[in-house]
Protein backbone atom coordinates (compact mmCIF):
# COMPACT_ATOMS: atom_id res chain seq x y z
CA MET A 1 20.54 81.83 -129.29
CA LEU A 2 23.13 79.51 -130.81
CA LEU A 3 22.33 76.35 -128.54
CA ALA A 4 18.63 77.15 -129.70
CA SER A 5 19.48 77.20 -133.37
CA ALA A 6 21.74 73.87 -133.11
CA ILE A 7 18.60 72.17 -131.43
CA GLY A 8 16.34 73.33 -134.10
CA VAL A 9 18.70 72.08 -136.92
CA ALA A 10 18.88 68.77 -135.10
CA ALA A 11 15.34 68.49 -134.75
CA VAL A 12 14.53 69.20 -138.47
CA THR A 13 17.36 66.84 -139.66
CA THR A 14 15.93 63.88 -137.31
CA ALA A 15 12.36 64.56 -138.61
CA ALA A 16 13.44 64.39 -142.16
CA VAL A 17 15.41 61.34 -141.65
CA LEU A 18 12.43 59.67 -139.92
CA THR A 19 9.82 60.86 -142.43
CA SER A 20 12.03 59.28 -145.49
CA SER A 21 12.56 55.98 -143.51
CA ALA A 22 8.70 55.81 -142.82
CA GLY A 23 7.85 56.59 -146.47
CA ALA A 24 9.22 53.38 -147.63
CA ALA A 25 7.15 51.35 -145.08
CA GLU A 26 3.53 50.31 -145.76
CA SER A 27 0.80 52.50 -144.84
CA THR A 28 -1.13 50.06 -142.71
CA LEU A 29 0.11 47.43 -139.96
CA ALA A 30 -1.20 44.42 -141.95
CA ALA A 31 0.57 45.58 -145.09
CA ALA A 32 3.86 46.23 -143.12
CA ALA A 33 3.41 42.63 -141.53
CA ALA A 34 2.98 40.99 -144.87
CA GLN A 35 6.34 42.55 -146.22
CA SER A 36 8.15 40.44 -143.60
CA GLY A 37 5.92 37.26 -144.24
CA ARG A 38 3.87 37.85 -140.97
CA TYR A 39 0.34 38.32 -140.03
CA PHE A 40 -1.11 41.13 -138.28
CA GLY A 41 -4.64 40.75 -136.54
CA THR A 42 -6.79 41.55 -133.54
CA ALA A 43 -8.78 39.81 -131.22
CA ILE A 44 -12.16 41.20 -129.36
CA ALA A 45 -14.64 39.80 -127.41
CA ALA A 46 -17.70 38.37 -129.45
CA GLY A 47 -20.26 40.51 -127.83
CA LEU A 48 -18.27 43.57 -128.94
CA ALA A 49 -18.36 42.57 -132.59
CA ARG A 50 -21.92 43.94 -132.85
CA GLU A 51 -21.16 47.25 -131.68
CA ALA A 52 -20.79 50.18 -134.12
CA GLY A 53 -17.41 51.30 -132.73
CA HIS A 54 -15.91 47.76 -133.54
CA ARG A 55 -17.13 47.06 -136.91
CA VAL A 56 -14.74 46.96 -139.98
CA GLY A 57 -15.75 48.95 -142.98
């Protein structure tokens, strides 16, 4: 029982630390890349750009 409690406390503490760190990051990959002067983009085959699942917006 004591071991399970210790593991639970460790998991909650880790989650709290990771959440606070992630909160400072940008919400999209492109915005996070821009913070460090980088560009984030993707590439797809030209024929796929017309498919509804690949459209932006």
